[in-house]
Amino acid sequence: VQLQAFGGGLVQAGDSLRLSCAASGRSFTMYAMGWFRQAPGKEREFVAAISWTGDSTYATDSVKGRFTVSRDNAKKMVYLQMNSLRPEDTAIYYCAAHTRVATMQGGKAHYWGQGTQVTVSS
């Protein structure tokens, strides 16, 4: 599976942004999909994930109620809708794939896309 994330940009605190991740390969529906981020000087962290069916979603506490992950298996796309953005959300965001959500929650993935920069100004 090859992944390409896009949609980042510079926004102000309180704004919204939607990240997209385009996947290629025949096995897309075999994988749970996730989003990670890495802020300057910090380790990469898990942000959110969605099961391969799309029925179950997961998010780290700091983004719960603000970020929503979704997927369109027919289009092989994954999305991260980010609302009420804060300066501390500034990071490079990566999409990733793994057969198990729990593994991604632990910080690992089978496949990684290139990052897209999100900058939130105060």
C-alpha atoms as a PDB file:
ATOM      1  CA  VAL A   1       0.000   0.000   0.000  1.00  0.00           C
ATOM      2  CA  GLN A   2       1.311   3.411  -0.953  1.00  0.00           C
ATOM      3  CA  LEU A   3       0.017   6.447   0.882  1.00  0.00           C
ATOM      4  CA  GLN A   4       0.081  10.135   0.085  1.00  0.00           C
ATOM      5  CA  ALA A   5      -1.175  12.715   2.536  1.00  0.00           C
ATOM      6  CA  PHE A   6      -2.137  16.239   1.576  1.00  0.00           C
ATOM      7  CA  GLY A   7      -4.252  19.158   2.702  1.00  0.00           C
ATOM      8  CA  GLY A   8      -2.017  20.761   5.318  1.00  0.00           C
ATOM      9  CA  GLY A   9      -1.506  24.469   5.581  1.00  0.00           C
ATOM     10  CA  LEU A  10      -1.264  27.543   7.755  1.00  0.00           C
ATOM     11  CA  VAL A  11      -4.410  28.383   9.729  1.00  0.00           C
ATOM     12  CA  GLN A  12      -5.347  30.414  12.773  1.00  0.00           C
ATOM     13  CA  ALA A  13      -6.349  29.042  16.140  1.00  0.00           C
ATOM     14  CA  GLY A  14      -9.979  27.994  16.100  1.00  0.00           C
ATOM     15  CA  ASP A  15     -10.009  27.272  12.377  1.00  0.00           C
ATOM     16  CA  SER A  16     -10.718  23.941  10.712  1.00  0.00           C
ATOM     17  CA  LEU A  17      -8.703  21.926   8.232  1.00  0.00           C
ATOM     18  CA  ARG A  18      -9.255  18.612   6.518  1.00  0.00           C
ATOM     19  CA  LEU A  19      -6.369  16.333   5.708  1.00  0.00           C
ATOM     20  CA  SER A  20      -6.686  13.693   3.043  1.00  0.00           C
ATOM     21  CA  CYS A  21      -4.698  10.549   2.385  1.00  0.00           C
ATOM     22  CA  ALA A  22      -4.832   8.788  -0.954  1.00  0.00           C
ATOM     23  CA  ALA A  23      -3.974   5.103  -0.991  1.00  0.00           C
ATOM     24  CA  SER A  24      -2.967   2.906  -3.871  1.00  0.00           C
ATOM     25  CA  GLY A  25      -2.810  -0.864  -4.009  1.00  0.00           C
ATOM     26  CA  ARG A  26      -5.302  -3.651  -4.073  1.00  0.00           C
ATOM     27  CA  SER A  27      -5.257  -4.398  -0.355  1.00  0.00           C
ATOM     28  CA  PHE A  28      -6.541  -1.098   1.001  1.00  0.00           C
ATOM     29  CA  THR A  29      -9.595  -2.601   2.667  1.00  0.00           C
ATOM     30  CA  MET A  30      -7.420  -5.075   4.562  1.00  0.00           C
ATOM     31  CA  TYR A  31      -5.934  -2.271   6.616  1.00  0.00           C
ATOM     32  CA  ALA A  32      -6.969  -0.073   9.445  1.00  0.00           C
ATOM     33  CA  MET A  33      -5.821   3.461   8.720  1.00  0.00           C
ATOM     34  CA  GLY A  34      -4.314   5.961  11.070  1.00  0.00           C
ATOM     35  CA  TRP A  35      -3.004   9.474  11.443  1.00  0.00           C
ATOM     36  CA  PHE A  36       0.119  10.415  13.358  1.00  0.00           C
ATOM     37  CA  ARG A  37       1.868  13.698  13.928  1.00  0.00           C
ATOM     38  CA  GLN A  38       5.302  14.920  14.847  1.00  0.00           C
ATOM     39  CA  ALA A  39       5.869  18.345  16.306  1.00  0.00           C
ATOM     40  CA  PRO A  40       9.303  20.007  16.231  1.00  0.00           C
ATOM     41  CA  GLY A  41      11.574  18.473  18.830  1.00  0.00           C
ATOM     42  CA  LYS A  42       9.042  15.827  19.804  1.00  0.00           C
ATOM     43  CA  GLU A  43       8.515  12.181  19.003  1.00  0.00           C
ATOM     44  CA  ARG A  44       5.893  11.096  16.526  1.00  0.00           C
ATOM     45  CA  GLU A  45       2.582  10.395  18.237  1.00  0.00           C
ATOM     46  CA  PHE A  46      -0.617   8.590  17.396  1.00  0.00           C
ATOM     47  CA  VAL A  47      -3.545  10.889  16.618  1.00  0.00           C
ATOM     48  CA  ALA A  48      -6.475   8.844  15.328  1.00  0.00           C
ATOM     49  CA  ALA A  49      -7.358   5.620  13.556  1.00  0.00           C
ATOM     50  CA  ILE A  50     -10.251   3.929  11.835  1.00  0.00           C
ATOM     51  CA  SER A  51     -10.999   0.246  11.338  1.00  0.00           C
ATOM     52  CA  TRP A  52     -10.971  -1.249   7.852  1.00  0.00           C
ATOM     53  CA  THR A  53     -14.779  -1.263   7.788  1.00  0.00           C
ATOM     54  CA  GLY A  54     -15.003   2.302   9.025  1.00  0.00           C
ATOM     55  CA  ASP A  55     -17.284   1.198  11.846  1.00  0.00           C
ATOM     56  CA  SER A  56     -14.855   1.984  14.647  1.00  0.00           C
ATOM     57  CA  THR A  57     -12.753   5.059  15.231  1.00  0.00           C
ATOM     58  CA  TYR A  58     -10.167   5.904  17.836  1.00  0.00           C
ATOM     59  CA  ALA A  59      -8.482   9.135  18.860  1.00  0.00           C
ATOM     60  CA  THR A  60      -5.929  10.263  21.353  1.00  0.00           C
ATOM     61  CA  ASP A  61      -7.327  12.237  24.273  1.00  0.00           C
ATOM     62  CA  SER A  62      -5.905  15.581  23.189  1.00  0.00           C
ATOM     63  CA  VAL A  63      -7.957  15.600  19.968  1.00  0.00           C
ATOM     64  CA  LYS A  64     -11.139  13.849  21.045  1.00  0.00           C
ATOM     65  CA  GLY A  65     -14.164  15.964  20.245  1.00  0.00           C
ATOM     66  CA  ARG A  66     -12.154  18.091  17.800  1.00  0.00           C
ATOM     67  CA  PHE A  67     -10.726  15.656  15.211  1.00  0.00           C
ATOM     68  CA  THR A  68     -12.698  13.086  13.250  1.00  0.00           C
ATOM     69  CA  VAL A  69     -11.213  10.321  11.117  1.00  0.00           C
ATOM     70  CA  SER A  70     -13.177   8.792   8.242  1.00  0.00           C
ATOM     71  CA  ARG A  71     -12.553   6.695   5.165  1.00  0.00           C
ATOM     72  CA  ASP A  72     -14.046   6.023   1.761  1.00  0.00           C
ATOM     73  CA  ASN A  73     -13.040   2.530   0.713  1.00  0.00           C
ATOM     74  CA  ALA A  74     -14.445   2.932  -2.783  1.00  0.00           C
ATOM     75  CA  LYS A  75     -12.149   5.909  -3.372  1.00  0.00           C
ATOM     76  CA  LYS A  76      -9.276   4.521  -1.274  1.00  0.00           C
ATOM     77  CA  MET A  77      -9.219   7.714   0.716  1.00  0.00           C
ATOM     78  CA  VAL A  78      -8.818   8.508   4.413  1.00  0.00           C
ATOM     79  CA  TYR A  79      -9.625  11.861   5.962  1.00  0.00           C
ATOM     80  CA  LEU A  80      -8.856  13.718   9.153  1.00  0.00           C
ATOM     81  CA  GLN A  81     -11.254  16.539   9.863  1.00  0.00           C
ATOM     82  CA  MET A  82      -9.634  18.886  12.353  1.00  0.00           C
ATOM     83  CA  ASN A  83     -11.797  21.474  14.074  1.00  0.00           C
ATOM     84  CA  SER A  84     -11.038  24.039  16.768  1.00  0.00           C
ATOM     85  CA  LEU A  85      -7.354  23.871  15.937  1.00  0.00           C
ATOM     86  CA  ARG A  86      -4.851  24.973  18.550  1.00  0.00           C
ATOM     87  CA  PRO A  87      -1.230  26.105  18.242  1.00  0.00           C
ATOM     88  CA  GLU A  88      -0.193  22.864  19.943  1.00  0.00           C
ATOM     89  CA  ASP A  89      -1.661  20.951  16.985  1.00  0.00           C
ATOM     90  CA  THR A  90       1.161  22.312  14.853  1.00  0.00           C
ATOM     91  CA  ALA A  91       3.062  19.347  13.446  1.00  0.00           C
ATOM     92  CA  ILE A  92       3.785  17.288  10.400  1.00  0.00           C
ATOM     93  CA  TYR A  93       0.873  14.887   9.961  1.00  0.00           C
ATOM     94  CA  TYR A  94       1.340  11.404   8.511  1.00  0.00           C
ATOM     95  CA  CYS A  95      -1.152   8.827   7.400  1.00  0.00           C
ATOM     96  CA  ALA A  96      -0.350   5.182   7.995  1.00  0.00           C
ATOM     97  CA  ALA A  97      -1.741   1.695   7.597  1.00  0.00           C
ATOM     98  CA  HIS A  98      -1.657  -1.444   9.673  1.00  0.00           C
ATOM     99  CA  THR A  99      -3.833  -4.486  10.012  1.00  0.00           C
ATOM    100  CA  ARG A 100      -4.423  -3.705  13.693  1.00  0.00           C
ATOM    101  CA  VAL A 101      -5.563  -0.425  15.225  1.00  0.00           C
ATOM    102  CA  ALA A 102      -3.980  -1.396  18.534  1.00  0.00           C
ATOM    103  CA  THR A 103      -0.553  -1.562  16.909  1.00  0.00           C
ATOM    104  CA  MET A 104      -0.957   1.933  15.513  1.00  0.00           C
ATOM    105  CA  GLN A 105      -2.072   3.181  18.914  1.00  0.00           C
ATOM    106  CA  GLY A 106       1.287   1.888  20.082  1.00  0.00           C
ATOM    107  CA  GLY A 107       3.042   3.999  17.484  1.00  0.00           C
ATOM    108  CA  LYS A 108       3.795   1.494  14.759  1.00  0.00           C
ATOM    109  CA  ALA A 109       2.487   0.906  11.258  1.00  0.00           C
ATOM    110  CA  HIS A 110       3.168  -1.246   8.230  1.00  0.00           C
ATOM    111  CA  TYR A 111       3.051   1.602   5.769  1.00  0.00           C
ATOM    112  CA  TRP A 112       3.643   5.322   6.060  1.00  0.00           C
ATOM    113  CA  GLY A 113       2.837   8.207   3.777  1.00  0.00           C
ATOM    114  CA  GLN A 114       4.905  11.325   3.468  1.00  0.00           C
ATOM    115  CA  GLY A 115       3.915  14.073   5.842  1.00  0.00           C
ATOM    116  CA  THR A 116       1.881  17.197   5.355  1.00  0.00           C
ATOM    117  CA  GLN A 117       2.623  20.265   7.450  1.00  0.00           C
ATOM    118  CA  VAL A 118      -0.077  21.801   9.615  1.00  0.00           C
ATOM    119  CA  THR A 119       0.746  25.108  11.261  1.00  0.00           C
ATOM    120  CA  VAL A 120      -1.691  26.780  13.637  1.00  0.00           C
ATOM    121  CA  SER A 121      -0.964  30.369  14.563  1.00  0.00           C
ATOM    122  CA  SER A 122      -2.239  31.929  17.771  1.00  0.00           C
END
